[in-house]
Amino acid sequence: MAVDANAIPKIEAWILAQLTGDSALAALVGTRIWKDFAPIGASYAAYPFVVFSMRPGSYYLQGVGECRLLTRADYLIKIVTEGYPTDAQIVALDRFDEVIGKQSAATLGGFLFSGRGISPVNYTEPRPGTPHFYNHAGSVFQIDAYPAP
């Protein structure tokens, strides 16, 4: 059973589907969920928002010959807030665990996905020229993707 040469777009489509399909996250961030970075423009000014991006350490598990059995990718998924997060925004961190970190046999586009949290992330970023700051909080998730039987 050969796997598509690059499962990363499938993993990213699955992450986006999981995050946008969660009603609790949608109530908090609406459609402000982006890959890699928030776009510059009017939608960028709205907080909070969610960003996900691939981290170093991802790899393929190759079988005999050209058979790729599994893609294992690490993704940072975080919520970005202005100032300290509110209680409602902290709930988003639990939603990440529910919709990504506790999956063991989710399907999308002929692939199976499983996810698990591997490390928390929390840091602040100063807002240049002001006494204000942004807070970034989330987790790094290890996500496995392999073809559905």
C-alpha atoms as a PDB file:
ATOM      1  CA  MET A   1       0.000   0.000   0.000  1.00  0.00           C
ATOM      2  CA  ALA A   2       1.801   3.127  -1.184  1.00  0.00           C
ATOM      3  CA  VAL A   3       1.148   6.489   0.389  1.00  0.00           C
ATOM      4  CA  ASP A   4       0.931   9.741  -1.497  1.00  0.00           C
ATOM      5  CA  ALA A   5       4.394  11.296  -1.690  1.00  0.00           C
ATOM      6  CA  ASN A   6       3.487  14.190   0.579  1.00  0.00           C
ATOM      7  CA  ALA A   7       0.909  13.696   3.324  1.00  0.00           C
ATOM      8  CA  ILE A   8       1.613  17.116   4.886  1.00  0.00           C
ATOM      9  CA  PRO A   9      -1.186  18.895   2.926  1.00  0.00           C
ATOM     10  CA  LYS A  10      -3.586  16.157   4.090  1.00  0.00           C
ATOM     11  CA  ILE A  11      -2.518  16.633   7.706  1.00  0.00           C
ATOM     12  CA  GLU A  12      -2.976  20.397   7.417  1.00  0.00           C
ATOM     13  CA  ALA A  13      -6.435  19.972   5.860  1.00  0.00           C
ATOM     14  CA  TRP A  14      -7.354  17.652   8.748  1.00  0.00           C
ATOM     15  CA  ILE A  15      -6.087  20.107  11.382  1.00  0.00           C
ATOM     16  CA  LEU A  16      -8.054  22.942   9.771  1.00  0.00           C
ATOM     17  CA  ALA A  17     -11.202  20.779   9.550  1.00  0.00           C
ATOM     18  CA  GLN A  18     -10.882  19.763  13.210  1.00  0.00           C
ATOM     19  CA  LEU A  19     -10.382  23.334  14.423  1.00  0.00           C
ATOM     20  CA  THR A  20     -13.033  25.004  12.255  1.00  0.00           C
ATOM     21  CA  GLY A  21     -15.540  22.229  12.969  1.00  0.00           C
ATOM     22  CA  ASP A  22     -15.485  22.757  16.737  1.00  0.00           C
ATOM     23  CA  SER A  23     -18.397  24.945  17.868  1.00  0.00           C
ATOM     24  CA  ALA A  24     -16.663  26.067  21.094  1.00  0.00           C
ATOM     25  CA  LEU A  25     -13.645  27.338  19.151  1.00  0.00           C
ATOM     26  CA  ALA A  26     -15.887  28.926  16.517  1.00  0.00           C
ATOM     27  CA  ALA A  27     -17.735  30.826  19.247  1.00  0.00           C
ATOM     28  CA  LEU A  28     -14.415  32.224  20.458  1.00  0.00           C
ATOM     29  CA  VAL A  29     -12.425  32.906  17.277  1.00  0.00           C
ATOM     30  CA  GLY A  30     -14.999  32.711  14.483  1.00  0.00           C
ATOM     31  CA  THR A  31     -13.163  31.924  11.257  1.00  0.00           C
ATOM     32  CA  ARG A  32      -9.843  33.420  12.431  1.00  0.00           C
ATOM     33  CA  ILE A  33      -7.850  30.176  12.137  1.00  0.00           C
ATOM     34  CA  TRP A  34      -4.780  30.311   9.911  1.00  0.00           C
ATOM     35  CA  LYS A  35      -1.846  28.215   8.782  1.00  0.00           C
ATOM     36  CA  ASP A  36       1.600  29.618   9.615  1.00  0.00           C
ATOM     37  CA  PHE A  37       0.632  33.262  10.336  1.00  0.00           C
ATOM     38  CA  ALA A  38      -2.307  35.636  10.549  1.00  0.00           C
ATOM     39  CA  PRO A  39      -2.722  37.654   7.351  1.00  0.00           C
ATOM     40  CA  ILE A  40      -2.037  41.370   7.398  1.00  0.00           C
ATOM     41  CA  GLY A  41      -5.190  43.400   6.945  1.00  0.00           C
ATOM     42  CA  ALA A  42      -8.539  44.080   8.561  1.00  0.00           C
ATOM     43  CA  SER A  43      -9.080  40.508   9.778  1.00  0.00           C
ATOM     44  CA  TYR A  44      -5.671  40.521  11.451  1.00  0.00           C
ATOM     45  CA  ALA A  45      -6.750  43.179  13.952  1.00  0.00           C
ATOM     46  CA  ALA A  46      -9.381  40.903  15.527  1.00  0.00           C
ATOM     47  CA  TYR A  47      -8.318  38.920  18.592  1.00  0.00           C
ATOM     48  CA  PRO A  48      -8.145  36.190  19.619  1.00  0.00           C
ATOM     49  CA  PHE A  49      -7.126  34.031  16.690  1.00  0.00           C
ATOM     50  CA  VAL A  50      -5.613  30.571  16.202  1.00  0.00           C
ATOM     51  CA  VAL A  51      -2.480  29.752  14.213  1.00  0.00           C
ATOM     52  CA  PHE A  52      -0.994  26.336  13.452  1.00  0.00           C
ATOM     53  CA  SER A  53       2.375  25.541  11.890  1.00  0.00           C
ATOM     54  CA  MET A  54       4.623  22.546  11.324  1.00  0.00           C
ATOM     55  CA  ARG A  55       7.623  22.202  13.603  1.00  0.00           C
ATOM     56  CA  PRO A  56      11.014  20.563  13.030  1.00  0.00           C
ATOM     57  CA  GLY A  57      11.164  16.870  13.864  1.00  0.00           C
ATOM     58  CA  SER A  58       8.594  15.582  11.391  1.00  0.00           C
ATOM     59  CA  TYR A  59       9.420  12.426   9.432  1.00  0.00           C
ATOM     60  CA  TYR A  60       8.184   9.535   7.272  1.00  0.00           C
ATOM     61  CA  LEU A  61       8.176   5.866   8.217  1.00  0.00           C
ATOM     62  CA  GLN A  62       9.232   4.070   5.078  1.00  0.00           C
ATOM     63  CA  GLY A  63       8.316   0.440   4.444  1.00  0.00           C
ATOM     64  CA  VAL A  64      10.016  -1.961   2.079  1.00  0.00           C
ATOM     65  CA  GLY A  65      10.736  -0.406  -1.314  1.00  0.00           C
ATOM     66  CA  GLU A  66       8.713   2.682  -2.124  1.00  0.00           C
ATOM     67  CA  CYS A  67       5.970   2.001   0.387  1.00  0.00           C
ATOM     68  CA  ARG A  68       5.543   4.908   2.801  1.00  0.00           C
ATOM     69  CA  LEU A  69       3.634   3.591   5.798  1.00  0.00           C
ATOM     70  CA  LEU A  70       3.222   6.692   7.923  1.00  0.00           C
ATOM     71  CA  THR A  71       3.891  10.405   8.108  1.00  0.00           C
ATOM     72  CA  ARG A  72       4.513  11.744  11.609  1.00  0.00           C
ATOM     73  CA  ALA A  73       4.448  15.532  11.867  1.00  0.00           C
ATOM     74  CA  ASP A  74       4.736  17.903  14.815  1.00  0.00           C
ATOM     75  CA  TYR A  75       2.494  20.991  14.757  1.00  0.00           C
ATOM     76  CA  LEU A  76       2.313  23.977  17.055  1.00  0.00           C
ATOM     77  CA  ILE A  77      -1.308  25.015  17.548  1.00  0.00           C
ATOM     78  CA  LYS A  78      -1.791  28.208  19.555  1.00  0.00           C
ATOM     79  CA  ILE A  79      -4.264  30.925  20.410  1.00  0.00           C
ATOM     80  CA  VAL A  80      -2.996  34.509  20.206  1.00  0.00           C
ATOM     81  CA  THR A  81      -4.605  37.093  22.478  1.00  0.00           C
ATOM     82  CA  GLU A  82      -4.092  40.785  23.226  1.00  0.00           C
ATOM     83  CA  GLY A  83      -2.841  40.849  26.796  1.00  0.00           C
ATOM     84  CA  TYR A  84      -3.434  37.985  29.172  1.00  0.00           C
ATOM     85  CA  PRO A  85      -5.999  35.423  27.979  1.00  0.00           C
ATOM     86  CA  THR A  86      -9.466  35.493  29.500  1.00  0.00           C
ATOM     87  CA  ASP A  87     -11.025  32.410  31.090  1.00  0.00           C
ATOM     88  CA  ALA A  88     -12.978  31.804  27.873  1.00  0.00           C
ATOM     89  CA  GLN A  89      -9.782  31.961  25.827  1.00  0.00           C
ATOM     90  CA  ILE A  90      -8.053  29.524  28.166  1.00  0.00           C
ATOM     91  CA  VAL A  91     -10.882  27.078  27.395  1.00  0.00           C
ATOM     92  CA  ALA A  92      -9.583  27.047  23.794  1.00  0.00           C
ATOM     93  CA  LEU A  93      -6.488  25.234  25.030  1.00  0.00           C
ATOM     94  CA  ASP A  94      -8.711  22.395  26.251  1.00  0.00           C
ATOM     95  CA  ARG A  95     -10.483  22.356  22.881  1.00  0.00           C
ATOM     96  CA  PHE A  96      -7.138  21.826  21.102  1.00  0.00           C
ATOM     97  CA  ASP A  97      -6.631  18.694  23.220  1.00  0.00           C
ATOM     98  CA  GLU A  98     -10.150  17.454  22.460  1.00  0.00           C
ATOM     99  CA  VAL A  99     -10.189  17.998  18.706  1.00  0.00           C
ATOM    100  CA  ILE A 100      -6.519  17.214  17.944  1.00  0.00           C
ATOM    101  CA  GLY A 101      -4.782  15.610  20.927  1.00  0.00           C
ATOM    102  CA  LYS A 102      -7.339  12.936  21.743  1.00  0.00           C
ATOM    103  CA  GLN A 103      -7.953  11.666  18.206  1.00  0.00           C
ATOM    104  CA  SER A 104      -6.967   8.088  17.456  1.00  0.00           C
ATOM    105  CA  ALA A 105      -8.779   7.137  14.245  1.00  0.00           C
ATOM    106  CA  ALA A 106     -10.173  10.288  12.635  1.00  0.00           C
ATOM    107  CA  THR A 107     -10.597  10.141   8.856  1.00  0.00           C
ATOM    108  CA  LEU A 108     -10.457  12.659   6.025  1.00  0.00           C
ATOM    109  CA  GLY A 109      -9.766  12.185   2.333  1.00  0.00           C
ATOM    110  CA  GLY A 110      -8.898   8.477   2.565  1.00  0.00           C
ATOM    111  CA  PHE A 111      -6.414   8.911   5.413  1.00  0.00           C
ATOM    112  CA  LEU A 112      -6.528   8.051   9.103  1.00  0.00           C
ATOM    113  CA  PHE A 113      -5.183  10.558  11.625  1.00  0.00           C
ATOM    114  CA  SER A 114      -4.213  10.355  15.249  1.00  0.00           C
ATOM    115  CA  GLY A 115      -2.905  13.129  17.461  1.00  0.00           C
ATOM    116  CA  ARG A 116      -1.327  13.556  20.862  1.00  0.00           C
ATOM    117  CA  GLY A 117      -0.038  16.569  22.738  1.00  0.00           C
ATOM    118  CA  ILE A 118       3.702  16.450  23.388  1.00  0.00           C
ATOM    119  CA  SER A 119       4.551  19.823  24.954  1.00  0.00           C
ATOM    120  CA  PRO A 120       2.845  23.009  26.146  1.00  0.00           C
ATOM    121  CA  VAL A 121       3.776  26.434  24.759  1.00  0.00           C
ATOM    122  CA  ASN A 122       3.210  29.824  26.407  1.00  0.00           C
ATOM    123  CA  TYR A 123       5.048  33.077  25.751  1.00  0.00           C
ATOM    124  CA  THR A 124       4.447  36.811  25.463  1.00  0.00           C
ATOM    125  CA  GLU A 125       5.385  39.125  22.627  1.00  0.00           C
ATOM    126  CA  PRO A 126       5.774  42.859  23.245  1.00  0.00           C
ATOM    127  CA  ARG A 127       3.733  45.203  21.107  1.00  0.00           C
ATOM    128  CA  PRO A 128       6.379  47.618  19.769  1.00  0.00           C
ATOM    129  CA  GLY A 129       6.090  51.213  20.920  1.00  0.00           C
ATOM    130  CA  THR A 130       3.375  50.476  23.506  1.00  0.00           C
ATOM    131  CA  PRO A 131       3.143  49.012  27.009  1.00  0.00           C
ATOM    132  CA  HIS A 132       0.856  46.283  25.591  1.00  0.00           C
ATOM    133  CA  PHE A 133       1.673  42.705  24.620  1.00  0.00           C
ATOM    134  CA  TYR A 134       0.332  39.643  22.886  1.00  0.00           C
ATOM    135  CA  ASN A 135       0.108  36.230  24.554  1.00  0.00           C
ATOM    136  CA  HIS A 136       0.687  32.989  22.638  1.00  0.00           C
ATOM    137  CA  ALA A 137      -0.563  29.790  24.325  1.00  0.00           C
ATOM    138  CA  GLY A 138      -1.060  26.286  22.992  1.00  0.00           C
ATOM    139  CA  SER A 139       0.656  22.959  22.516  1.00  0.00           C
ATOM    140  CA  VAL A 140       2.859  21.055  20.137  1.00  0.00           C
ATOM    141  CA  PHE A 141       0.940  18.046  18.817  1.00  0.00           C
ATOM    142  CA  GLN A 142       2.397  14.965  17.173  1.00  0.00           C
ATOM    143  CA  ILE A 143       0.089  13.901  14.344  1.00  0.00           C
ATOM    144  CA  ASP A 144       0.269  10.594  12.488  1.00  0.00           C
ATOM    145  CA  ALA A 145      -1.284  10.161   9.039  1.00  0.00           C
ATOM    146  CA  TYR A 146      -1.563   6.919   7.116  1.00  0.00           C
ATOM    147  CA  PRO A 147      -3.843   5.585   4.399  1.00  0.00           C
ATOM    148  CA  ALA A 148      -7.186   4.222   5.535  1.00  0.00           C
ATOM    149  CA  PRO A 149      -7.460   0.452   5.006  1.00  0.00           C
END
